[in-house]
């Protein structure tokens, strides 16, 4: 028998287990019973806190990534894109953030509500913030281009675990991808 936990600790353990399982086996494969077992709680507690598996999914869709923090200070660096990529890679390495993002990506491919949440997250948390850094009347397009590049990077490094991306140092990736992000945000989009 595990020691009693404070209510907030049990709730967080359930969220952590659910994010991990949604990321590993998708929404359909993650059962309330298995989530509860991995969290070290009774399945009834999952229902008590979240009401249903959909309610649990909804809570899991809140990604603990402070995009403002990732962006803060990036503007002052010589190459905005390089610093933005470097900061994002560091944020994605935090286990809770990584599990949440994996959960969103994998569940978003198989569950309509998760796909909507992923789209909303990208629009709200990434594109709207990056758009403030982008220049010109075409800032929404610039932000979307930068966001899609970053999304591809996160999928390759975190979700698909492409060996070369996983093994590469964050600074090396930032140096390679950053100038493209900078061009998308503040450069000339009419030339290749």
N, C-alpha and C. Protein backbone atom coordinates (compact mmCIF):
# COMPACT_ATOMS: atom_id res chain seq x y z
N UNK A 1 0.84 -1.18 0.00
CA UNK A 1 0.00 0.00 0.00
C UNK A 1 0.89 1.24 0.00
N UNK A 2 0.62 2.17 -0.90
CA UNK A 2 1.43 3.37 -0.97
C UNK A 2 0.96 4.37 0.08
N UNK A 3 1.87 5.24 0.53
CA UNK A 3 1.50 6.22 1.55
C UNK A 3 0.47 7.20 0.99
N UNK A 4 -0.32 7.74 1.91
CA UNK A 4 -1.35 8.70 1.49
C UNK A 4 -0.70 9.96 0.94
N UNK A 5 -1.29 10.50 -0.11
CA UNK A 5 -0.79 11.72 -0.73
C UNK A 5 -1.81 12.83 -0.52
N UNK A 6 -1.33 14.04 -0.62
CA UNK A 6 -2.23 15.18 -0.59
C UNK A 6 -3.07 15.15 -1.87
N UNK A 7 -4.31 15.68 -1.82
CA UNK A 7 -5.18 15.64 -3.01
C UNK A 7 -4.52 16.20 -4.27
N UNK A 8 -3.81 17.30 -4.17
CA UNK A 8 -3.15 17.87 -5.34
C UNK A 8 -2.09 16.96 -5.91
N UNK A 9 -1.43 16.20 -5.04
CA UNK A 9 -0.39 15.27 -5.50
C UNK A 9 -1.01 14.10 -6.26
N UNK A 10 -2.14 13.60 -5.79
CA UNK A 10 -2.82 12.51 -6.49
C UNK A 10 -3.33 12.97 -7.84
N UNK A 11 -3.89 14.17 -7.88
CA UNK A 11 -4.40 14.72 -9.13
C UNK A 11 -3.25 14.86 -10.13
N UNK A 12 -2.11 15.38 -9.68
CA UNK A 12 -0.97 15.57 -10.56
C UNK A 12 -0.41 14.22 -11.02
N UNK A 13 -0.39 13.23 -10.13
CA UNK A 13 0.09 11.90 -10.51
C UNK A 13 -0.80 11.31 -11.60
N UNK A 14 -2.11 11.53 -11.50
CA UNK A 14 -3.04 11.05 -12.53
C UNK A 14 -2.77 11.76 -13.85
N UNK A 15 -2.60 13.08 -13.82
CA UNK A 15 -2.31 13.83 -15.04
C UNK A 15 -1.00 13.37 -15.68
N UNK A 16 0.02 13.19 -14.85
CA UNK A 16 1.31 12.74 -15.38
C UNK A 16 1.19 11.36 -16.03
N UNK A 17 0.50 10.44 -15.37
CA UNK A 17 0.32 9.10 -15.92
C UNK A 17 -0.51 9.15 -17.21
N UNK A 18 -1.55 9.95 -17.21
CA UNK A 18 -2.41 10.04 -18.40
C UNK A 18 -1.64 10.64 -19.57
N UNK A 19 -0.90 11.71 -19.33
CA UNK A 19 -0.12 12.31 -20.42
C UNK A 19 0.88 11.30 -20.99
N UNK A 20 1.53 10.60 -20.10
CA UNK A 20 2.52 9.61 -20.54
C UNK A 20 1.84 8.52 -21.36
N UNK A 21 0.71 7.99 -20.87
CA UNK A 21 0.03 6.91 -21.59
C UNK A 21 -0.62 7.40 -22.88
N UNK A 22 -1.26 8.58 -22.86
CA UNK A 22 -1.83 9.11 -24.10
C UNK A 22 -0.72 9.27 -25.14
N UNK A 23 0.46 9.69 -24.69
CA UNK A 23 1.60 9.84 -25.59
C UNK A 23 2.12 8.52 -26.11
N UNK A 24 2.09 7.48 -25.26
CA UNK A 24 2.63 6.18 -25.65
C UNK A 24 1.65 5.36 -26.49
N UNK A 25 0.39 5.30 -26.06
CA UNK A 25 -0.56 4.39 -26.69
C UNK A 25 -1.78 5.10 -27.30
N UNK A 26 -1.82 6.43 -27.24
CA UNK A 26 -2.95 7.16 -27.79
C UNK A 26 -4.17 7.13 -26.88
N UNK A 27 -5.16 7.88 -27.27
CA UNK A 27 -6.38 8.00 -26.45
C UNK A 27 -7.09 6.66 -26.30
N UNK A 28 -7.25 5.94 -27.40
CA UNK A 28 -8.00 4.67 -27.36
C UNK A 28 -7.31 3.63 -26.49
N UNK A 29 -5.97 3.60 -26.54
CA UNK A 29 -5.23 2.57 -25.80
C UNK A 29 -5.07 2.85 -24.32
N UNK A 30 -5.25 4.08 -23.91
CA UNK A 30 -5.08 4.45 -22.49
C UNK A 30 -6.42 4.30 -21.77
N UNK A 31 -6.51 3.32 -20.90
CA UNK A 31 -7.75 3.11 -20.15
C UNK A 31 -7.68 3.80 -18.79
N UNK A 32 -8.83 4.10 -18.25
CA UNK A 32 -8.89 4.69 -16.90
C UNK A 32 -8.20 3.77 -15.90
N UNK A 33 -8.44 2.49 -16.02
CA UNK A 33 -7.84 1.53 -15.09
C UNK A 33 -6.31 1.55 -15.16
N UNK A 34 -5.77 1.58 -16.37
CA UNK A 34 -4.31 1.60 -16.51
C UNK A 34 -3.71 2.93 -16.04
N UNK A 35 -4.38 4.02 -16.35
CA UNK A 35 -3.92 5.34 -15.90
C UNK A 35 -3.89 5.36 -14.37
N UNK A 36 -4.96 4.87 -13.75
CA UNK A 36 -5.02 4.84 -12.28
C UNK A 36 -3.90 3.97 -11.71
N UNK A 37 -3.70 2.81 -12.31
CA UNK A 37 -2.64 1.92 -11.83
C UNK A 37 -1.28 2.60 -11.91
N UNK A 38 -0.99 3.23 -13.04
CA UNK A 38 0.29 3.91 -13.21
C UNK A 38 0.45 5.09 -12.25
N UNK A 39 -0.66 5.71 -11.89
CA UNK A 39 -0.62 6.85 -10.97
C UNK A 39 -0.62 6.40 -9.51
N UNK A 40 -0.89 5.11 -9.28
CA UNK A 40 -0.93 4.60 -7.91
C UNK A 40 -2.17 5.00 -7.16
N UNK A 41 -3.29 5.12 -7.89
CA UNK A 41 -4.57 5.50 -7.26
C UNK A 41 -5.66 4.54 -7.70
N UNK A 42 -6.77 4.63 -7.05
CA UNK A 42 -7.96 3.86 -7.41
C UNK A 42 -8.62 4.49 -8.64
N UNK A 43 -9.14 3.70 -9.57
CA UNK A 43 -9.81 4.27 -10.74
C UNK A 43 -10.95 5.23 -10.39
N UNK A 44 -11.60 4.98 -9.27
CA UNK A 44 -12.69 5.88 -8.86
C UNK A 44 -12.18 7.29 -8.61
N UNK A 45 -10.94 7.42 -8.18
CA UNK A 45 -10.37 8.75 -7.93
C UNK A 45 -10.18 9.51 -9.25
N UNK A 46 -9.85 8.80 -10.31
CA UNK A 46 -9.72 9.44 -11.62
C UNK A 46 -11.06 10.05 -12.01
N UNK A 47 -12.12 9.27 -11.83
CA UNK A 47 -13.47 9.75 -12.16
C UNK A 47 -13.87 10.89 -11.23
N UNK A 48 -13.52 10.78 -9.97
CA UNK A 48 -13.86 11.85 -9.00
C UNK A 48 -13.23 13.17 -9.42
N UNK A 49 -11.97 13.14 -9.83
CA UNK A 49 -11.28 14.37 -10.22
C UNK A 49 -11.68 14.89 -11.59
N UNK A 50 -11.87 13.99 -12.56
CA UNK A 50 -12.01 14.43 -13.94
C UNK A 50 -13.35 14.08 -14.59
N UNK A 51 -14.18 13.29 -13.91
CA UNK A 51 -15.51 12.99 -14.41
C UNK A 51 -15.56 11.87 -15.43
N UNK A 52 -14.62 11.83 -16.34
CA UNK A 52 -14.61 10.82 -17.40
C UNK A 52 -13.23 10.83 -18.06
N UNK A 53 -13.05 9.91 -18.97
CA UNK A 53 -11.79 9.87 -19.72
C UNK A 53 -11.67 11.13 -20.58
N UNK A 54 -12.79 11.61 -21.14
CA UNK A 54 -12.75 12.85 -21.92
C UNK A 54 -12.39 14.04 -21.04
N UNK A 55 -12.90 14.06 -19.81
CA UNK A 55 -12.55 15.13 -18.88
C UNK A 55 -11.07 15.10 -18.54
N UNK A 56 -10.53 13.91 -18.39
CA UNK A 56 -9.11 13.75 -18.13
C UNK A 56 -8.30 14.22 -19.34
N UNK A 57 -8.74 13.86 -20.53
CA UNK A 57 -8.06 14.31 -21.74
C UNK A 57 -8.05 15.84 -21.79
N UNK A 58 -9.17 16.43 -21.50
CA UNK A 58 -9.28 17.90 -21.51
C UNK A 58 -8.24 18.53 -20.58
N UNK A 59 -8.11 17.98 -19.39
CA UNK A 59 -7.11 18.50 -18.43
C UNK A 59 -5.69 18.29 -18.94
N UNK A 60 -5.46 17.18 -19.63
CA UNK A 60 -4.12 16.88 -20.15
C UNK A 60 -3.73 17.78 -21.31
N UNK A 61 -4.71 18.38 -21.95
CA UNK A 61 -4.43 19.19 -23.13
C UNK A 61 -3.81 20.54 -22.78
N UNK A 62 -3.78 20.87 -21.51
CA UNK A 62 -3.13 22.11 -21.08
C UNK A 62 -1.64 21.83 -20.96
N UNK A 63 -0.87 22.35 -21.92
CA UNK A 63 0.56 22.08 -21.95
C UNK A 63 1.29 23.05 -21.02
N UNK A 64 2.10 22.52 -20.10
CA UNK A 64 2.83 23.39 -19.18
C UNK A 64 4.07 24.02 -19.82
N UNK A 65 3.84 24.77 -20.89
CA UNK A 65 4.94 25.42 -21.59
C UNK A 65 4.64 26.91 -21.64
N UNK A 66 5.49 27.70 -21.04
CA UNK A 66 5.31 29.14 -21.03
C UNK A 66 6.00 29.73 -22.25
N UNK A 67 5.22 29.92 -23.32
CA UNK A 67 5.78 30.41 -24.58
C UNK A 67 6.34 31.82 -24.40
N UNK A 68 5.70 32.62 -23.56
CA UNK A 68 6.21 33.97 -23.28
C UNK A 68 7.63 33.88 -22.71
N UNK A 69 7.84 32.93 -21.81
CA UNK A 69 9.16 32.75 -21.20
C UNK A 69 10.18 32.32 -22.25
N UNK A 70 9.75 31.43 -23.16
CA UNK A 70 10.65 31.00 -24.23
C UNK A 70 11.06 32.20 -25.08
N UNK A 71 10.10 33.10 -25.34
CA UNK A 71 10.39 34.26 -26.19
C UNK A 71 11.12 35.38 -25.46
N UNK A 72 10.93 35.48 -24.14
CA UNK A 72 11.50 36.60 -23.41
C UNK A 72 13.01 36.65 -23.58
N UNK A 73 13.48 37.77 -23.97
CA UNK A 73 14.90 37.96 -24.14
C UNK A 73 15.43 37.51 -25.50
N UNK A 74 14.67 36.71 -26.23
CA UNK A 74 15.16 36.22 -27.53
C UNK A 74 15.36 37.37 -28.51
N UNK A 75 14.54 38.40 -28.39
CA UNK A 75 14.64 39.53 -29.32
C UNK A 75 15.97 40.27 -29.22
N UNK A 76 16.58 40.25 -28.05
CA UNK A 76 17.82 40.99 -27.84
C UNK A 76 19.04 40.30 -28.45
N UNK A 77 18.91 39.06 -28.88
CA UNK A 77 20.04 38.33 -29.43
C UNK A 77 20.23 38.68 -30.90
N UNK A 78 21.44 38.52 -31.38
CA UNK A 78 21.77 38.85 -32.76
C UNK A 78 20.95 38.09 -33.76
N UNK A 79 20.69 36.83 -33.51
CA UNK A 79 19.89 36.02 -34.41
C UNK A 79 18.68 35.52 -33.64
N UNK A 80 17.58 36.22 -33.84
CA UNK A 80 16.33 35.94 -33.12
C UNK A 80 15.93 34.48 -33.26
N UNK A 81 15.96 33.95 -34.47
CA UNK A 81 15.53 32.58 -34.71
C UNK A 81 16.37 31.55 -33.99
N UNK A 82 17.69 31.76 -34.00
CA UNK A 82 18.59 30.81 -33.34
C UNK A 82 18.31 30.77 -31.84
N UNK A 83 18.14 31.92 -31.25
CA UNK A 83 17.86 31.96 -29.81
C UNK A 83 16.47 31.39 -29.51
N UNK A 84 15.51 31.65 -30.37
CA UNK A 84 14.16 31.11 -30.19
C UNK A 84 14.19 29.58 -30.23
N UNK A 85 14.88 29.01 -31.20
CA UNK A 85 14.99 27.55 -31.31
C UNK A 85 15.72 26.99 -30.09
N UNK A 86 16.80 27.61 -29.68
CA UNK A 86 17.57 27.15 -28.52
C UNK A 86 16.68 27.12 -27.27
N UNK A 87 15.95 28.18 -27.05
CA UNK A 87 15.08 28.25 -25.86
C UNK A 87 13.94 27.23 -25.93
N UNK A 88 13.38 27.05 -27.11
CA UNK A 88 12.31 26.07 -27.27
C UNK A 88 12.81 24.66 -27.01
N UNK A 89 13.98 24.33 -27.55
CA UNK A 89 14.55 23.00 -27.33
C UNK A 89 14.77 22.74 -25.85
N UNK A 90 15.26 23.73 -25.13
CA UNK A 90 15.47 23.57 -23.69
C UNK A 90 14.14 23.34 -22.98
N UNK A 91 13.11 24.08 -23.37
CA UNK A 91 11.80 23.92 -22.74
C UNK A 91 11.23 22.53 -23.01
N UNK A 92 11.41 22.02 -24.22
CA UNK A 92 10.87 20.70 -24.58
C UNK A 92 11.57 19.57 -23.85
N UNK A 93 12.76 19.82 -23.35
CA UNK A 93 13.50 18.77 -22.65
C UNK A 93 12.98 18.53 -21.24
N UNK A 94 12.21 19.46 -20.70
CA UNK A 94 11.64 19.29 -19.37
C UNK A 94 10.62 18.16 -19.45
N UNK A 95 10.75 17.10 -18.63
CA UNK A 95 9.92 15.90 -18.78
C UNK A 95 8.40 16.16 -18.80
N UNK A 96 7.91 17.00 -17.94
CA UNK A 96 6.46 17.23 -17.91
C UNK A 96 5.99 17.90 -19.20
N UNK A 97 6.75 18.85 -19.69
CA UNK A 97 6.41 19.51 -20.95
C UNK A 97 6.50 18.52 -22.10
N UNK A 98 7.57 17.74 -22.14
CA UNK A 98 7.75 16.75 -23.21
C UNK A 98 6.60 15.74 -23.22
N UNK A 99 6.23 15.22 -22.04
CA UNK A 99 5.12 14.26 -21.97
C UNK A 99 3.81 14.89 -22.44
N UNK A 100 3.58 16.14 -22.05
CA UNK A 100 2.35 16.81 -22.46
C UNK A 100 2.31 17.02 -23.97
N UNK A 101 3.43 17.42 -24.54
CA UNK A 101 3.48 17.65 -25.98
C UNK A 101 3.32 16.33 -26.73
N UNK A 102 3.99 15.29 -26.27
CA UNK A 102 3.84 13.97 -26.90
C UNK A 102 2.39 13.51 -26.85
N UNK A 103 1.79 13.70 -25.69
CA UNK A 103 0.39 13.31 -25.52
C UNK A 103 -0.49 14.05 -26.51
N UNK A 104 -0.29 15.34 -26.62
CA UNK A 104 -1.09 16.15 -27.54
C UNK A 104 -0.89 15.71 -28.99
N UNK A 105 0.34 15.51 -29.38
CA UNK A 105 0.63 15.14 -30.77
C UNK A 105 0.02 13.78 -31.10
N UNK A 106 0.33 12.79 -30.28
CA UNK A 106 -0.13 11.43 -30.59
C UNK A 106 -1.64 11.29 -30.45
N UNK A 107 -2.20 11.92 -29.45
CA UNK A 107 -3.64 11.85 -29.27
C UNK A 107 -4.35 12.67 -30.34
N UNK A 108 -3.72 13.79 -30.72
CA UNK A 108 -4.31 14.64 -31.75
C UNK A 108 -4.46 13.95 -33.09
N UNK A 109 -3.63 12.95 -33.33
CA UNK A 109 -3.73 12.21 -34.58
C UNK A 109 -4.87 11.21 -34.58
N UNK A 110 -5.39 10.87 -33.39
CA UNK A 110 -6.41 9.83 -33.33
C UNK A 110 -7.70 10.26 -32.64
N UNK A 111 -7.75 11.48 -32.13
CA UNK A 111 -8.92 11.91 -31.37
C UNK A 111 -9.27 13.34 -31.77
N UNK A 112 -10.51 13.55 -32.20
CA UNK A 112 -10.91 14.85 -32.74
C UNK A 112 -10.73 15.99 -31.73
N UNK A 113 -11.11 15.78 -30.49
CA UNK A 113 -11.00 16.85 -29.49
C UNK A 113 -9.53 17.22 -29.25
N UNK A 114 -8.66 16.26 -29.23
CA UNK A 114 -7.24 16.54 -29.05
C UNK A 114 -6.68 17.29 -30.26
N UNK A 115 -7.15 16.94 -31.46
CA UNK A 115 -6.70 17.64 -32.66
C UNK A 115 -7.13 19.11 -32.60
N UNK A 116 -8.35 19.37 -32.15
CA UNK A 116 -8.82 20.75 -31.99
C UNK A 116 -7.99 21.49 -30.96
N UNK A 117 -7.67 20.82 -29.87
CA UNK A 117 -6.87 21.44 -28.81
C UNK A 117 -5.46 21.73 -29.29
N UNK A 118 -4.89 20.82 -30.07
CA UNK A 118 -3.54 21.02 -30.60
C UNK A 118 -3.53 22.23 -31.52
N UNK A 119 -4.53 22.33 -32.38
CA UNK A 119 -4.63 23.48 -33.28
C UNK A 119 -4.79 24.77 -32.48
N UNK A 120 -5.63 24.75 -31.47
CA UNK A 120 -5.84 25.94 -30.64
C UNK A 120 -4.57 26.32 -29.90
N UNK A 121 -3.84 25.32 -29.39
CA UNK A 121 -2.59 25.58 -28.69
C UNK A 121 -1.59 26.25 -29.63
N UNK A 122 -1.46 25.71 -30.82
CA UNK A 122 -0.51 26.28 -31.78
C UNK A 122 -0.92 27.72 -32.12
N UNK A 123 -2.21 27.93 -32.34
CA UNK A 123 -2.68 29.27 -32.68
C UNK A 123 -2.51 30.24 -31.52
N UNK A 124 -2.95 29.82 -30.34
CA UNK A 124 -2.95 30.70 -29.18
C UNK A 124 -1.56 30.88 -28.59
N UNK A 125 -0.94 29.78 -28.28
CA UNK A 125 0.28 29.84 -27.49
C UNK A 125 1.53 30.06 -28.31
N UNK A 126 1.52 29.66 -29.55
CA UNK A 126 2.73 29.80 -30.34
C UNK A 126 2.57 30.92 -31.37
N UNK A 127 1.64 30.76 -32.28
CA UNK A 127 1.54 31.72 -33.38
C UNK A 127 1.23 33.13 -32.90
N UNK A 128 0.31 33.28 -31.92
CA UNK A 128 -0.04 34.63 -31.47
C UNK A 128 1.15 35.32 -30.81
N UNK A 129 1.97 34.55 -30.10
CA UNK A 129 3.14 35.12 -29.45
C UNK A 129 4.22 35.41 -30.47
N UNK A 130 4.48 34.44 -31.36
CA UNK A 130 5.51 34.62 -32.37
C UNK A 130 5.13 35.76 -33.32
N UNK A 131 3.85 35.93 -33.57
CA UNK A 131 3.38 36.98 -34.46
C UNK A 131 3.78 38.36 -33.96
N UNK A 132 3.90 38.52 -32.65
CA UNK A 132 4.33 39.81 -32.10
C UNK A 132 5.79 40.08 -32.41
N UNK A 133 6.56 39.03 -32.64
CA UNK A 133 7.97 39.19 -32.97
C UNK A 133 8.14 39.40 -34.47
N UNK A 134 7.23 38.82 -35.27
CA UNK A 134 7.31 38.91 -36.72
C UNK A 134 7.07 40.34 -37.18
N UNK A 135 7.68 40.70 -38.31
CA UNK A 135 7.55 42.06 -38.81
C UNK A 135 6.63 42.13 -40.03
N UNK A 136 6.08 43.31 -40.26
CA UNK A 136 5.33 43.59 -41.47
C UNK A 136 3.86 43.24 -41.42
N UNK A 137 3.19 43.60 -42.52
CA UNK A 137 1.75 43.35 -42.65
C UNK A 137 1.45 41.86 -42.76
N UNK A 138 2.44 41.09 -43.19
CA UNK A 138 2.25 39.66 -43.35
C UNK A 138 2.69 38.88 -42.11
N UNK A 139 2.62 39.53 -40.93
CA UNK A 139 3.05 38.87 -39.68
C UNK A 139 2.32 37.55 -39.43
N UNK A 140 1.02 37.43 -39.71
CA UNK A 140 0.38 36.12 -39.49
C UNK A 140 1.01 35.00 -40.33
N UNK A 141 1.32 35.30 -41.59
CA UNK A 141 1.97 34.30 -42.45
C UNK A 141 3.37 33.98 -41.91
N UNK A 142 4.11 35.00 -41.53
CA UNK A 142 5.46 34.80 -41.00
C UNK A 142 5.41 33.92 -39.75
N UNK A 143 4.47 34.21 -38.87
CA UNK A 143 4.33 33.42 -37.64
C UNK A 143 3.95 31.98 -37.96
N UNK A 144 3.06 31.80 -38.94
CA UNK A 144 2.65 30.44 -39.32
C UNK A 144 3.82 29.66 -39.92
N UNK A 145 4.64 30.32 -40.73
CA UNK A 145 5.81 29.65 -41.30
C UNK A 145 6.79 29.25 -40.20
N UNK A 146 7.07 30.18 -39.29
CA UNK A 146 7.98 29.87 -38.18
C UNK A 146 7.41 28.77 -37.30
N UNK A 147 6.11 28.87 -37.02
CA UNK A 147 5.45 27.85 -36.18
C UNK A 147 5.47 26.48 -36.81
N UNK A 148 5.28 26.41 -38.13
CA UNK A 148 5.28 25.11 -38.79
C UNK A 148 6.69 24.51 -38.78
N UNK A 149 7.71 25.34 -38.92
CA UNK A 149 9.08 24.87 -38.87
C UNK A 149 9.38 24.31 -37.47
N UNK A 150 8.94 25.04 -36.45
CA UNK A 150 9.16 24.60 -35.07
C UNK A 150 8.36 23.32 -34.78
N UNK A 151 7.14 23.24 -35.31
CA UNK A 151 6.33 22.03 -35.10
C UNK A 151 7.01 20.82 -35.73
N UNK A 152 7.56 20.99 -36.93
CA UNK A 152 8.28 19.89 -37.56
C UNK A 152 9.48 19.45 -36.75
N UNK A 153 10.17 20.41 -36.19
CA UNK A 153 11.33 20.11 -35.35
C UNK A 153 10.91 19.34 -34.10
N UNK A 154 9.85 19.79 -33.46
CA UNK A 154 9.41 19.11 -32.23
C UNK A 154 8.90 17.71 -32.54
N UNK A 155 8.20 17.54 -33.64
CA UNK A 155 7.71 16.21 -34.00
C UNK A 155 8.90 15.29 -34.28
N UNK A 156 9.87 15.78 -35.03
CA UNK A 156 11.03 14.96 -35.35
C UNK A 156 11.87 14.61 -34.14
N UNK A 157 12.10 15.58 -33.26
CA UNK A 157 12.99 15.35 -32.12
C UNK A 157 12.29 14.68 -30.94
N UNK A 158 11.06 15.10 -30.65
CA UNK A 158 10.38 14.62 -29.44
C UNK A 158 9.44 13.46 -29.72
N UNK A 159 8.63 13.55 -30.77
CA UNK A 159 7.63 12.50 -31.02
C UNK A 159 8.20 11.33 -31.81
N UNK A 160 8.81 11.61 -32.96
CA UNK A 160 9.34 10.52 -33.79
C UNK A 160 10.71 10.06 -33.34
N UNK A 161 11.41 10.90 -32.61
CA UNK A 161 12.74 10.60 -32.09
C UNK A 161 13.69 10.20 -33.22
N UNK A 162 13.72 11.04 -34.26
CA UNK A 162 14.65 10.85 -35.37
C UNK A 162 16.06 10.86 -34.78
N UNK A 163 16.82 9.77 -34.96
CA UNK A 163 18.12 9.65 -34.27
C UNK A 163 19.04 10.86 -34.41
N UNK A 164 19.20 11.38 -35.61
CA UNK A 164 20.11 12.51 -35.80
C UNK A 164 19.65 13.74 -35.02
N UNK A 165 18.33 13.95 -34.93
CA UNK A 165 17.81 15.09 -34.17
C UNK A 165 17.92 14.87 -32.67
N UNK A 166 17.72 13.64 -32.23
CA UNK A 166 17.82 13.33 -30.80
C UNK A 166 19.27 13.44 -30.33
N UNK A 167 20.18 12.95 -31.14
CA UNK A 167 21.59 12.94 -30.75
C UNK A 167 22.26 14.30 -30.86
N UNK A 168 21.72 15.17 -31.70
CA UNK A 168 22.35 16.48 -31.91
C UNK A 168 22.16 17.38 -30.70
N UNK A 169 23.18 18.11 -30.41
CA UNK A 169 23.18 19.10 -29.35
C UNK A 169 22.20 20.24 -29.70
N UNK A 170 21.50 20.76 -28.71
CA UNK A 170 20.51 21.82 -28.93
C UNK A 170 21.13 23.04 -29.62
N UNK A 171 22.34 23.39 -29.25
CA UNK A 171 22.99 24.55 -29.88
C UNK A 171 23.26 24.31 -31.36
N UNK A 172 23.61 23.09 -31.71
CA UNK A 172 23.87 22.77 -33.12
C UNK A 172 22.58 22.86 -33.94
N UNK A 173 21.50 22.32 -33.37
CA UNK A 173 20.21 22.40 -34.07
C UNK A 173 19.78 23.85 -34.19
N UNK A 174 19.93 24.61 -33.11
CA UNK A 174 19.55 26.03 -33.14
C UNK A 174 20.33 26.79 -34.20
N UNK A 175 21.63 26.50 -34.32
CA UNK A 175 22.46 27.17 -35.32
C UNK A 175 22.04 26.80 -36.74
N UNK A 176 21.57 25.57 -36.92
CA UNK A 176 21.16 25.11 -38.26
C UNK A 176 19.78 25.63 -38.65
N UNK A 177 18.84 25.60 -37.72
CA UNK A 177 17.45 25.95 -38.02
C UNK A 177 17.16 27.43 -37.78
N UNK A 178 17.86 28.01 -36.84
CA UNK A 178 17.59 29.39 -36.42
C UNK A 178 17.57 30.42 -37.54
N UNK A 179 18.56 30.43 -38.45
CA UNK A 179 18.53 31.44 -39.51
C UNK A 179 17.27 31.36 -40.39
N UNK A 180 16.74 30.16 -40.58
CA UNK A 180 15.50 30.02 -41.34
C UNK A 180 14.34 30.65 -40.57
N UNK A 181 14.29 30.41 -39.27
CA UNK A 181 13.23 31.01 -38.44
C UNK A 181 13.36 32.53 -38.47
N UNK A 182 14.59 33.03 -38.37
CA UNK A 182 14.81 34.48 -38.43
C UNK A 182 14.30 35.05 -39.75
N UNK A 183 14.63 34.38 -40.84
CA UNK A 183 14.17 34.86 -42.16
C UNK A 183 12.65 34.87 -42.22
N UNK A 184 12.03 33.81 -41.70
CA UNK A 184 10.56 33.78 -41.68
C UNK A 184 10.00 34.94 -40.88
N UNK A 185 10.61 35.26 -39.77
CA UNK A 185 10.06 36.28 -38.87
C UNK A 185 10.34 37.71 -39.33
N UNK A 186 11.55 37.98 -39.80
CA UNK A 186 11.90 39.37 -40.09
C UNK A 186 12.61 39.57 -41.42
N UNK A 187 12.84 38.50 -42.17
CA UNK A 187 13.60 38.61 -43.41
C UNK A 187 12.74 38.79 -44.64
N UNK A 188 13.38 38.68 -45.78
CA UNK A 188 12.72 38.81 -47.07
C UNK A 188 12.10 37.47 -47.45
N UNK A 189 10.80 37.44 -47.60
CA UNK A 189 10.11 36.19 -47.95
C UNK A 189 9.99 36.01 -49.47
N UNK A 190 10.46 36.98 -50.22
CA UNK A 190 10.31 36.88 -51.69
C UNK A 190 11.49 36.17 -52.34
N UNK A 191 12.57 35.96 -51.60
CA UNK A 191 13.73 35.28 -52.18
C UNK A 191 13.94 33.94 -51.45
N UNK A 192 14.60 33.05 -52.15
CA UNK A 192 14.86 31.75 -51.55
C UNK A 192 16.28 31.67 -51.05
